[in-house]
C-alpha atoms as a PDB file:
ATOM      1  CA  MET A   1       0.000   0.000   0.000  1.00  0.00           C
ATOM      2  CA  SER A   2       1.410   3.368  -0.953  1.00  0.00           C
ATOM      3  CA  ARG A   3       1.495   6.374   1.276  1.00  0.00           C
ATOM      4  CA  PHE A   4      -1.322   8.074  -0.623  1.00  0.00           C
ATOM      5  CA  GLU A   5      -3.643   5.078  -0.319  1.00  0.00           C
ATOM      6  CA  HIS A   6      -3.020   4.986   3.423  1.00  0.00           C
ATOM      7  CA  ASP A   7      -3.896   8.695   3.756  1.00  0.00           C
ATOM      8  CA  ARG A   8      -7.054   8.172   1.742  1.00  0.00           C
ATOM      9  CA  ILE A   9      -8.148   5.241   3.915  1.00  0.00           C
ATOM     10  CA  ARG A  10      -7.236   6.989   7.147  1.00  0.00           C
ATOM     11  CA  GLY A  11      -9.092  10.114   6.070  1.00  0.00           C
ATOM     12  CA  SER A  12     -12.218   8.114   5.397  1.00  0.00           C
ATOM     13  CA  LEU A  13     -12.110   6.346   8.773  1.00  0.00           C
ATOM     14  CA  TRP A  14     -11.651   9.431  10.957  1.00  0.00           C
ATOM     15  CA  THR A  15     -14.206  12.177  10.532  1.00  0.00           C
ATOM     16  CA  LYS A  16     -13.080  15.767  10.673  1.00  0.00           C
ATOM     17  CA  GLY A  17     -14.735  19.144  11.091  1.00  0.00           C
ATOM     18  CA  ARG A  18     -18.433  19.451  11.799  1.00  0.00           C
ATOM     19  CA  THR A  19     -19.205  15.789  11.306  1.00  0.00           C
ATOM     20  CA  GLY A  20     -16.649  14.763  13.914  1.00  0.00           C
ATOM     21  CA  THR A  21     -17.959  17.367  16.335  1.00  0.00           C
ATOM     22  CA  VAL A  22     -21.553  16.214  15.875  1.00  0.00           C
ATOM     23  CA  ILE A  23     -20.593  12.553  16.306  1.00  0.00           C
ATOM     24  CA  GLY A  24     -18.531  13.344  19.408  1.00  0.00           C
ATOM     25  CA  ALA A  25     -21.364  15.400  20.910  1.00  0.00           C
ATOM     26  CA  ALA A  26     -23.823  12.585  20.171  1.00  0.00           C
ATOM     27  CA  ILE A  27     -21.597  10.018  21.897  1.00  0.00           C
ATOM     28  CA  ILE A  28     -21.213  12.269  24.958  1.00  0.00           C
ATOM     29  CA  LEU A  29     -24.970  12.895  25.033  1.00  0.00           C
ATOM     30  CA  ILE A  30     -25.758   9.156  24.838  1.00  0.00           C
ATOM     31  CA  LEU A  31     -23.274   8.402  27.624  1.00  0.00           C
ATOM     32  CA  PHE A  32     -24.619  11.322  29.643  1.00  0.00           C
ATOM     33  CA  ILE A  33     -28.178  10.012  29.412  1.00  0.00           C
ATOM     34  CA  ARG A  34     -27.312   6.336  29.937  1.00  0.00           C
ATOM     35  CA  PHE A  35     -24.880   6.404  32.867  1.00  0.00           C
ATOM     36  CA  SER A  36     -25.434   8.529  35.976  1.00  0.00           C
ATOM     37  CA  LEU A  37     -21.780   8.284  37.050  1.00  0.00           C
ATOM     38  CA  ILE A  38     -20.714  10.053  33.847  1.00  0.00           C
ATOM     39  CA  ARG A  39     -23.067  12.921  34.724  1.00  0.00           C
ATOM     40  CA  TRP A  40     -21.167  13.463  37.960  1.00  0.00           C
ATOM     41  CA  PHE A  41     -17.801  13.154  36.235  1.00  0.00           C
ATOM     42  CA  LEU A  42     -18.697  15.637  33.492  1.00  0.00           C
ATOM     43  CA  GLY A  43     -20.330  18.011  35.950  1.00  0.00           C
ATOM     44  CA  ILE A  44     -17.309  18.050  38.251  1.00  0.00           C
ATOM     45  CA  SER A  45     -14.948  18.352  35.253  1.00  0.00           C
ATOM     46  CA  VAL A  46     -16.841  21.372  33.922  1.00  0.00           C
ATOM     47  CA  VAL A  47     -16.786  23.057  37.344  1.00  0.00           C
ATOM     48  CA  ILE A  48     -13.046  22.431  37.723  1.00  0.00           C
ATOM     49  CA  GLY A  49     -12.418  23.723  34.182  1.00  0.00           C
ATOM     50  CA  VAL A  50     -14.395  26.917  34.774  1.00  0.00           C
ATOM     51  CA  VAL A  51     -12.639  27.560  38.106  1.00  0.00           C
ATOM     52  CA  MET A  52      -9.198  27.000  36.555  1.00  0.00           C
ATOM     53  CA  ALA A  53     -10.006  29.257  33.577  1.00  0.00           C
ATOM     54  CA  ALA A  54     -11.216  32.004  35.921  1.00  0.00           C
ATOM     55  CA  ALA A  55      -8.094  31.670  38.092  1.00  0.00           C
ATOM     56  CA  ILE A  56      -5.743  31.858  35.095  1.00  0.00           C
ATOM     57  CA  HIS A  57      -7.657  34.818  33.656  1.00  0.00           C
ATOM     58  CA  TRP A  58      -7.511  36.639  37.003  1.00  0.00           C
ATOM     59  CA  TYR A  59      -3.784  35.903  37.466  1.00  0.00           C
ATOM     60  CA  PHE A  60      -2.752  37.223  34.065  1.00  0.00           C
ATOM     61  CA  GLU A  61      -5.056  40.213  34.417  1.00  0.00           C
ATOM     62  CA  HIS A  62      -3.160  41.291  37.543  1.00  0.00           C
ATOM     63  CA  LYS A  63       0.294  40.144  36.417  1.00  0.00           C
ATOM     64  CA  PRO A  64       0.539  40.679  32.649  1.00  0.00           C
ATOM     65  CA  ILE A  65       3.109  38.866  30.565  1.00  0.00           C
ATOM     66  CA  THR A  66       6.071  41.088  29.725  1.00  0.00           C
ATOM     67  CA  SER A  67       9.114  40.478  27.602  1.00  0.00           C
ATOM     68  CA  PRO A  68      12.417  39.984  29.430  1.00  0.00           C
ATOM     69  CA  ASP A  69      13.925  43.077  27.760  1.00  0.00           C
ATOM     70  CA  GLU A  70      11.093  45.412  28.774  1.00  0.00           C
ATOM     71  CA  GLY A  71      12.375  46.262  32.262  1.00  0.00           C
ATOM     72  CA  LYS A  72      16.048  46.307  31.351  1.00  0.00           C
ATOM     73  CA  ILE A  73      17.957  49.610  31.558  1.00  0.00           C
ATOM     74  CA  VAL A  74      20.398  50.105  28.700  1.00  0.00           C
ATOM     75  CA  LEU A  75      23.404  52.278  29.638  1.00  0.00           C
ATOM     76  CA  HIS A  76      24.995  52.406  26.137  1.00  0.00           C
ATOM     77  CA  LEU A  77      28.493  52.167  27.626  1.00  0.00           C
ATOM     78  CA  ASN A  78      29.971  50.233  24.687  1.00  0.00           C
ATOM     79  CA  ASP A  79      27.977  51.871  21.898  1.00  0.00           C
ATOM     80  CA  ASP A  80      29.614  54.019  19.257  1.00  0.00           C
ATOM     81  CA  GLU A  81      26.428  55.991  18.723  1.00  0.00           C
ATOM     82  CA  PRO A  82      24.906  58.279  21.309  1.00  0.00           C
ATOM     83  CA  PRO A  83      21.657  57.107  22.907  1.00  0.00           C
ATOM     84  CA  ARG A  84      18.472  57.984  21.054  1.00  0.00           C
ATOM     85  CA  LYS A  85      15.948  60.243  22.700  1.00  0.00           C
END
């Protein structure tokens, strides 16, 4: 089997895009309805995810990401040109 035939077969077995999303959502919905333990697992996972997202958002709101060179003071001691104003 050539490489191209393998890609064609693999592409037909694994859905992508909207179809994959719909199939994944359908599987989750079926599991959610059928098993009560999965309801608890998904519920707790969503709560943990929302809390973590809020904590990360709050942290980077109060401590923004800066580049390492932003706070550095350049003295221009070894420069041939005078410092720019």
